[in-house]
Protein backbone atom coordinates (compact mmCIF):
# COMPACT_ATOMS: atom_id res chain seq x y z
CA MET A 1 63.77 110.93 -97.31
CA SER A 2 66.21 108.80 -98.48
CA SER A 3 65.34 107.01 -101.64
CA PHE A 4 65.32 103.59 -102.59
CA ALA A 5 69.10 103.81 -104.29
CA ASP A 6 70.09 105.30 -101.44
CA ASP A 7 69.24 102.36 -99.37
CA ILE A 8 70.70 99.88 -101.68
CA LYS A 9 74.06 101.97 -101.32
CA SER A 10 73.64 102.20 -97.95
CA PRO A 11 75.82 99.28 -96.74
CA PHE A 12 78.34 100.03 -99.02
CA LYS A 13 79.07 103.30 -97.64
CA THR A 14 78.91 102.95 -93.89
CA GLY A 15 80.60 99.18 -94.64
CA ASN A 16 78.10 96.96 -93.11
CA SER A 17 79.25 93.56 -94.31
CA ILE A 18 75.48 91.74 -93.53
CA GLY A 19 73.63 94.38 -95.74
CA GLN A 20 76.33 93.87 -98.88
CA LEU A 21 75.90 90.29 -99.03
CA MET A 22 72.55 90.70 -98.59
CA VAL A 23 72.23 93.30 -100.98
CA ILE A 24 74.34 91.21 -103.38
CA ASN A 25 72.81 88.23 -103.09
CA VAL A 26 69.12 89.84 -103.88
CA SER A 27 70.50 91.60 -106.81
CA VAL A 28 71.67 88.64 -108.76
CA PHE A 29 68.39 86.44 -107.59
CA LEU A 30 66.24 89.35 -109.05
CA ILE A 31 68.45 89.11 -112.42
CA LEU A 32 68.26 85.77 -113.25
CA VAL A 33 64.58 85.77 -112.41
CA THR A 34 63.93 88.74 -114.43
CA PHE A 35 66.18 86.87 -117.39
CA GLN A 36 64.25 83.34 -116.83
CA PHE A 37 60.76 85.46 -117.11
CA ILE A 38 61.64 86.74 -120.38
CA LEU A 39 62.80 83.64 -121.89
CA THR A 40 59.28 82.67 -121.08
CA ILE A 41 56.89 84.90 -122.59
CA SER A 42 60.13 85.34 -125.69
CA GLY A 43 57.85 82.19 -127.00
CA PHE A 44 60.71 79.64 -126.54
CA PRO A 45 60.02 76.53 -126.14
CA PRO A 46 60.26 75.09 -122.53
CA GLU A 47 63.27 72.19 -123.11
CA GLN A 48 64.97 75.38 -125.46
CA SER A 49 64.12 78.42 -122.52
CA THR A 50 65.59 75.72 -119.78
CA SER A 51 68.85 75.28 -121.80
CA VAL A 52 69.71 79.04 -122.75
CA PHE A 53 69.09 79.45 -119.08
CA HIS A 54 71.44 76.12 -117.80
CA ASN A 55 74.29 77.54 -120.27
CA ILE A 56 74.45 81.18 -118.89
CA VAL A 57 74.26 80.31 -115.33
CA SER A 58 77.17 77.61 -115.69
CA TRP A 59 79.47 80.71 -116.21
CA ILE A 60 78.62 81.88 -112.45
CA ALA A 61 78.04 78.48 -111.15
CA VAL A 62 80.59 76.44 -109.32
CA PRO A 63 81.28 72.99 -111.93
CA LEU A 64 81.42 69.61 -109.53
CA ASN A 65 84.07 69.24 -112.00
CA PHE A 66 88.00 70.26 -111.43
CA LYS A 67 88.51 70.22 -115.57
CA GLU A 68 85.53 72.33 -116.04
CA LEU A 69 86.67 74.84 -112.83
CA LEU A 70 90.01 75.07 -114.47
CA TYR A 71 88.36 76.90 -117.21
CA LYS A 72 86.01 78.93 -114.80
CA PRO A 73 87.98 79.50 -111.68
CA TRP A 74 85.89 82.88 -110.54
CA THR A 75 83.09 80.39 -109.94
CA LEU A 76 84.53 79.26 -106.97
CA LEU A 77 83.62 82.93 -105.40
CA THR A 78 79.99 83.84 -107.96
CA TYR A 79 78.49 80.98 -106.61
CA MET A 80 78.00 81.69 -103.76
CA PHE A 81 75.61 84.75 -104.29
CA VAL A 82 73.57 82.50 -106.82
CA HIS A 83 70.06 80.98 -105.77
CA TYR A 84 67.38 79.82 -108.08
CA SER A 85 64.36 78.82 -105.64
CA LEU A 86 62.55 82.02 -103.52
CA TRP A 87 62.94 80.19 -100.37
CA HIS A 88 65.80 79.05 -100.75
CA ILE A 89 67.48 83.09 -100.44
CA PHE A 90 64.89 83.44 -97.82
CA GLY A 91 66.37 80.57 -95.64
CA ASN A 92 69.68 81.66 -96.61
CA MET A 93 69.25 85.56 -95.93
CA LEU A 94 67.17 85.01 -92.84
CA MET A 95 69.63 82.70 -91.45
CA LEU A 96 72.60 85.26 -92.37
CA PHE A 97 71.01 88.27 -91.12
CA VAL A 98 70.23 86.73 -87.79
CA PHE A 99 73.38 85.00 -86.78
CA GLY A 100 75.60 87.56 -88.41
CA LYS A 101 74.30 90.30 -86.63
CA ILE A 102 75.00 88.24 -83.66
CA PHE A 103 78.56 87.45 -84.63
CA GLN A 104 79.31 90.94 -85.69
CA GLU A 105 78.32 92.24 -82.08
CA TYR A 106 80.46 90.19 -80.80
CA ALA A 107 83.58 90.47 -83.22
CA SER A 108 83.04 92.76 -85.76
CA SER A 109 81.58 93.51 -89.80
CA LYS A 110 84.30 92.79 -91.66
CA ARG A 111 85.32 89.54 -89.86
CA VAL A 112 81.86 88.67 -91.33
CA LEU A 113 82.71 89.14 -94.29
CA ALA A 114 85.62 87.28 -94.25
CA VAL A 115 84.13 84.18 -92.67
CA TYR A 116 81.07 84.19 -95.37
CA ILE A 117 83.84 84.32 -98.62
CA TYR A 118 86.51 81.46 -96.70
CA GLY A 119 83.22 79.37 -95.80
CA GLY A 120 81.86 79.42 -99.14
CA LEU A 121 85.53 78.69 -100.99
CA ILE A 122 86.39 75.81 -98.37
CA GLY A 123 82.61 74.11 -98.78
CA ALA A 124 82.95 74.35 -102.23
CA VAL A 125 86.14 72.87 -102.55
CA LEU A 126 85.18 69.68 -99.91
CA ALA A 127 82.49 69.01 -102.30
CA LEU A 128 84.86 69.11 -105.02
CA ALA A 129 86.73 66.79 -103.57
CA THR A 130 84.19 64.61 -102.03
CA TYR A 131 82.87 64.07 -105.78
CA HIS A 132 85.98 63.16 -107.14
CA ILE A 133 87.87 60.57 -104.27
CA ILE A 134 83.92 59.01 -103.63
CA PRO A 135 81.90 58.40 -107.19
CA THR A 136 78.98 56.98 -105.26
CA PHE A 137 78.40 60.64 -104.59
CA GLN A 138 78.52 61.23 -108.51
CA GLN A 139 75.83 59.15 -109.22
CA HIS A 140 73.47 61.06 -107.03
CA ALA A 141 74.50 64.27 -108.02
CA PRO A 142 71.16 66.42 -108.62
CA ALA A 143 72.73 68.88 -111.18
CA ASP A 144 76.54 69.18 -112.55
CA PHE A 145 76.97 72.39 -110.89
CA MET A 146 76.56 74.14 -107.74
CA VAL A 147 75.00 77.36 -106.29
CA GLY A 148 73.73 79.23 -103.08
CA ALA A 149 74.84 81.05 -100.12
CA SER A 150 74.35 77.93 -97.69
CA ALA A 151 78.49 77.63 -97.50
CA GLY A 152 79.23 80.89 -96.17
CA VAL A 153 75.82 81.36 -94.29
CA MET A 154 76.84 78.29 -92.38
CA ALA A 155 79.93 79.37 -91.61
CA VAL A 156 78.62 82.51 -90.08
CA VAL A 157 75.83 80.31 -88.07
CA LEU A 158 79.06 77.99 -86.73
CA ALA A 159 81.10 81.14 -85.84
CA SER A 160 78.30 82.59 -84.00
CA ALA A 161 77.69 79.74 -82.03
CA THR A 162 81.37 79.01 -81.60
CA LEU A 163 81.88 82.44 -80.12
CA VAL A 164 78.44 82.60 -77.84
CA PRO A 165 77.14 79.57 -77.61
CA ASP A 166 75.02 79.79 -74.91
CA TYR A 167 73.27 83.24 -76.37
CA ILE A 168 69.88 82.60 -76.40
CA LEU A 169 66.92 83.30 -79.63
CA HIS A 170 63.40 83.21 -79.18
CA LEU A 171 61.85 81.04 -81.61
CA PHE A 172 59.34 81.08 -83.04
CA ILE A 173 56.96 78.23 -81.16
CA LEU A 174 60.35 76.67 -79.85
CA GLY A 175 60.39 79.76 -77.69
CA PRO A 176 64.29 80.04 -75.51
CA VAL A 177 67.19 78.24 -77.55
CA ARG A 178 70.67 78.50 -77.50
CA LEU A 179 72.59 79.08 -80.13
CA LYS A 180 74.92 75.99 -79.66
CA TYR A 181 71.49 73.66 -79.95
CA ILE A 182 70.69 75.28 -83.41
CA ALA A 183 74.03 74.92 -84.46
CA LEU A 184 74.21 71.74 -83.57
CA PHE A 185 70.76 70.81 -85.05
CA VAL A 186 71.93 72.25 -88.92
CA VAL A 187 74.54 70.38 -88.80
CA VAL A 188 72.91 67.12 -88.00
CA MET A 189 70.39 67.78 -90.65
CA ASP A 190 73.55 67.82 -93.10
CA LEU A 191 75.08 64.79 -92.11
CA ILE A 192 71.40 63.09 -92.44
CA GLY A 193 71.01 64.84 -95.89
CA VAL A 194 75.03 63.40 -97.04
CA THR A 195 73.91 60.24 -95.67
CA TYR A 196 70.91 59.86 -97.29
CA PHE A 197 72.04 61.48 -100.99
CA ALA A 198 69.69 64.08 -100.87
CA ASN A 199 72.14 66.64 -102.46
CA ALA A 200 74.78 65.48 -100.99
CA GLY A 201 77.21 68.26 -102.34
CA GLY A 202 75.23 70.64 -101.11
CA HIS A 203 75.35 69.03 -97.71
CA ILE A 204 79.29 68.45 -97.85
CA SER A 205 79.70 71.77 -98.98
CA HIS A 206 77.70 73.54 -95.71
CA LEU A 207 79.48 71.35 -93.85
CA GLY A 208 82.59 72.40 -95.77
CA GLY A 209 81.78 76.02 -94.35
CA ALA A 210 80.08 75.13 -90.62
CA LEU A 211 84.44 73.32 -90.12
CA PHE A 212 85.57 76.73 -91.47
CA GLY A 213 83.38 78.89 -88.98
CA TYR A 214 84.52 76.76 -86.04
CA ILE A 215 88.44 76.80 -86.69
CA PHE A 216 88.01 80.87 -87.58
CA VAL A 217 86.58 81.15 -83.85
CA MET A 218 88.70 79.13 -82.26
CA GLN A 219 91.86 80.27 -83.42
CA MET A 220 90.24 83.75 -82.80
CA LYS A 221 90.30 82.63 -79.08
CA GLN A 222 94.17 82.33 -78.93
CA GLY A 223 94.67 85.70 -80.69
CA LYS A 224 94.86 84.70 -84.46
CA ASP A 225 92.57 86.40 -86.45
CA LEU A 226 92.21 84.81 -89.71
CA SER A 227 90.84 87.06 -91.54
CA SER A 228 93.14 90.04 -91.34
CA GLY A 229 95.05 88.50 -94.36
CA PHE A 230 91.63 89.29 -96.54
CA ASN A 231 90.60 92.38 -94.59
CA ASN A 232 93.99 93.52 -95.76
CA LEU A 233 93.89 92.98 -99.31
CA LEU A 234 90.27 94.24 -99.45
CA TYR A 235 91.41 97.60 -98.03
CA LYS A 236 94.50 97.72 -100.87
CA LEU A 237 92.26 97.44 -103.41
CA LYS A 238 89.76 100.03 -102.27
CA LYS A 239 92.86 102.01 -102.01
CA PHE A 240 93.84 100.81 -105.12
CA PHE A 241 90.48 101.89 -106.45
CA SER A 242 89.13 104.81 -104.74
CA ARG A 243 89.79 108.46 -106.73
CA LYS A 244 92.09 110.86 -104.82
CA PRO A 245 91.18 114.01 -103.63
CA LYS A 246 92.31 116.64 -105.12
CA ILE A 247 92.59 118.84 -102.38
CA LYS A 248 94.48 117.50 -99.35
CA VAL A 249 92.51 118.38 -96.38
CA VAL A 250 93.77 118.43 -92.59
CA HIS A 251 91.73 117.90 -89.90
CA LYS A 252 92.47 120.02 -86.39
CA ARG A 253 91.58 118.71 -83.24
CA SER A 254 89.73 121.44 -81.41
CA ILE A 255 91.11 120.27 -78.22
CA SER A 256 94.33 120.85 -76.78
CA ASP A 257 97.22 117.69 -76.44
CA GLU A 258 96.86 117.85 -72.17
CA GLU A 259 92.59 117.27 -72.90
CA TYR A 260 93.08 114.45 -75.97
CA ASN A 261 95.65 112.62 -73.66
CA LEU A 262 93.22 113.13 -71.34
CA LYS A 263 89.98 111.55 -72.85
CA ARG A 264 91.91 109.01 -74.29
CA LYS A 265 93.37 107.84 -71.37
CA ILE A 266 90.47 107.90 -69.25
CA ARG A 267 88.18 105.73 -72.32
CA GLN A 268 91.36 103.54 -71.80
CA GLU A 269 91.24 103.04 -67.62
CA GLU A 270 87.06 102.27 -68.90
CA ILE A 271 87.93 99.44 -71.19
CA ASP A 272 90.38 98.01 -69.03
CA GLU A 273 87.61 97.77 -66.14
CA ILE A 274 85.13 96.12 -68.39
CA LEU A 275 88.32 93.62 -69.83
CA ASP A 276 88.31 92.97 -66.11
CA LYS A 277 85.17 92.11 -65.54
CA ILE A 278 84.80 89.67 -68.52
CA SER A 279 87.61 87.98 -66.91
CA SER A 280 85.89 87.83 -63.62
CA SER A 281 82.23 87.08 -64.49
CA GLY A 282 82.13 86.18 -68.11
CA TYR A 283 80.94 88.26 -71.27
CA GLU A 284 77.49 88.00 -70.60
CA SER A 285 77.44 89.83 -67.68
CA LEU A 286 78.15 93.10 -69.55
CA THR A 287 75.56 96.12 -69.71
CA LYS A 288 74.32 96.94 -73.32
CA LYS A 289 76.69 100.16 -72.81
CA GLU A 290 79.53 98.56 -72.06
CA LYS A 291 79.18 96.22 -75.07
CA GLU A 292 79.24 99.25 -77.14
CA ILE A 293 81.95 100.73 -75.46
CA LEU A 294 83.91 97.24 -75.99
CA PHE A 295 82.86 97.09 -79.68
CA LYS A 296 83.73 100.10 -80.75
CA ALA A 297 86.90 100.39 -79.24
CA SER A 298 87.55 96.83 -81.11
CA ASN A 299 86.76 98.32 -84.86
CA GLU A 300 88.90 101.52 -83.63
CA SER A 301 92.00 99.00 -83.32
CA LYS A 302 91.59 97.24 -86.91
C-alpha cells in the first residue's frame, strides 16, 4: 500500500505532466494558506498581516510593471503556480485535469507541460504589454501583480479543442457538449471580462494563453512541434542533475535478432494500417485499442 508521500512523488517518477502541475499548484496554495493562517493567529493587526503577506507574494507573482519585472524575471514562471482563492485553484485544476487528459490522449504528456508553460508565459507578457500600451487598463487593475494558472490552463483547453473539436464531454445539467463549444464559451467570457474591465489583466492573459494553444496545434498539424525545444531543454537539465550510475548496466534481449526484427515489422504494419484508417475515416473511427497502440508508438518515437 503506497503512502501519501509516494502518491505525491508518483507523477514525477512516471512523467505524468498533469499530475506534476497539479501537485505543484496545490502545494504552493497550501503553503501560502498555512503562512496566512500563522500570521492571523500570531496576533498581528489585520492591516499589518495583509501587508506582510502581500510583500511575500510579490516575490512570486508577476508584477504589472516592466521595470519591476527586470528585478524579478523568475516571476514570469512562478506566477502561474500561485492562487489565493480555493475556488480559483479548484476551477483551474479541474479544467487542467479534464482538458489535459484529452490533450494527453491525442498528443503526449510532454506536450501538455510545454503548452501550459508557454501559454502562461505568453499570457503574462500580453497582459503586461496591454497595460503599458493602453493606459485605461491601469486605472482598473485590481492589484499591482498577477497570479494564477488560468493562462496556462486556457492554452491546454484551446489546444484540446483545436486538436479534437468534436470530442464530446458530458457536463452536469447540460449533458453532451462538444469541446469546440466549451472553448468558444470560455473565450467569449474572457472577452466580456476585458470589455467591462472585470480583472482585465487576468482575462487578457487568458486570451494570450488561448491563442498560443490554438497556434500550437495548428503548427503541430503541419508537422511543426513547438514543444521540441522546451522538452529538449528539460531532458538536458534532468540529465545534468541526475546521478550517474556507478555500475554500468548492460541489458540483453532475451530473443534473437530475427525474432526482434519480425516483431518490429509486424508492429509497423499494424501502425500503418491504423494511419490508413485515420486517413480514410478520421481519428474518431479508431477503437480504444488502436488509439492506445498509436499513443504508445508516438511516445516511443520521441
